Amino acid sequence: MTASEKPKGPASYFPSIEKKYGHPIEHWLRLLQGSKGMKHMEMVNWLKTEHRMGHGHANALVAYHLAGMKT
């Protein structure tokens, strides 16, 4: 993978999220699909408390999830 192929933004966290928490990104995105009506920080805090995820990882997943909902 060259420098130009490296993921940018929230997706740059995905390899470390998968390694640390043992689930593919699709798992976390499916969980976030069930969080309709929650605001960004509510989802971040939910991942942190219910799934013991670090703030940066939770924030990256939520940002990616919400960006995908806008398209």
Protein backbone atom coordinates (compact mmCIF):
# COMPACT_ATOMS: atom_id res chain seq x y z
CA MET A 1 0.00 0.00 0.00
CA THR A 2 1.42 3.35 -1.00
CA ALA A 3 1.01 6.60 0.91
CA SER A 4 -1.63 7.72 -1.58
CA GLU A 5 -3.68 4.57 -0.88
CA LYS A 6 -3.74 4.98 2.90
CA PRO A 7 -7.18 5.64 4.33
CA LYS A 8 -7.82 9.16 5.51
CA GLY A 9 -10.11 10.62 8.13
CA PRO A 10 -12.10 8.30 10.38
CA ALA A 11 -11.28 5.25 8.23
CA SER A 12 -7.62 5.60 9.18
CA TYR A 13 -8.57 4.26 12.61
CA PHE A 14 -10.23 1.10 11.27
CA PRO A 15 -7.23 -1.28 11.30
CA SER A 16 -6.46 -0.49 14.94
CA ILE A 17 -10.15 -0.72 15.92
CA GLU A 18 -10.42 -4.17 14.38
CA LYS A 19 -7.21 -5.32 16.03
CA LYS A 20 -8.00 -3.93 19.48
CA TYR A 21 -11.66 -4.92 19.77
CA GLY A 22 -11.66 -8.13 17.72
CA HIS A 23 -14.59 -7.31 15.44
CA PRO A 24 -14.71 -6.12 11.84
CA ILE A 25 -15.80 -2.54 11.19
CA GLU A 26 -19.05 -3.83 9.71
CA HIS A 27 -19.96 -5.17 13.19
CA TRP A 28 -19.65 -1.72 14.74
CA LEU A 29 -21.49 -0.01 11.89
CA ARG A 30 -24.38 -2.49 12.23
CA LEU A 31 -24.57 -1.66 15.95
CA LEU A 32 -24.63 2.04 15.17
CA GLN A 33 -27.50 1.54 12.71
CA GLY A 34 -29.66 0.73 15.74
CA SER A 35 -28.88 4.07 17.35
CA LYS A 36 -31.42 6.10 15.41
CA GLY A 37 -32.36 9.33 17.14
CA MET A 38 -29.09 9.54 19.08
CA LYS A 39 -26.78 12.49 18.59
CA HIS A 40 -23.10 12.14 17.73
CA MET A 41 -21.78 12.36 21.29
CA GLU A 42 -24.55 10.12 22.61
CA MET A 43 -23.40 7.40 20.22
CA VAL A 44 -19.75 7.98 21.17
CA ASN A 45 -20.59 7.70 24.87
CA TRP A 46 -22.67 4.58 24.22
CA LEU A 47 -19.72 2.85 22.52
CA LYS A 48 -17.45 3.93 25.36
CA THR A 49 -19.69 2.71 28.17
CA GLU A 50 -21.35 -0.35 26.64
CA HIS A 51 -18.40 -1.61 24.60
CA ARG A 52 -15.47 -0.16 26.56
CA MET A 53 -14.15 1.59 23.47
CA GLY A 54 -11.69 4.46 23.65
CA HIS A 55 -12.91 7.93 22.78
CA GLY A 56 -10.90 8.32 19.55
CA HIS A 57 -12.02 4.96 18.18
CA ALA A 58 -15.66 5.56 19.12
CA ASN A 59 -15.60 9.04 17.62
CA ALA A 60 -14.08 7.76 14.36
CA LEU A 61 -16.77 5.08 14.00
CA VAL A 62 -19.60 7.50 14.72
CA ALA A 63 -18.22 10.13 12.34
CA TYR A 64 -17.90 7.55 9.56
CA HIS A 65 -21.38 6.19 10.29
CA LEU A 66 -22.99 9.61 10.23
CA ALA A 67 -21.14 10.67 7.07
CA GLY A 68 -22.47 7.56 5.32
CA MET A 69 -26.03 8.43 6.32
CA LYS A 70 -25.77 11.80 4.53
CA THR A 71 -25.09 10.25 1.13
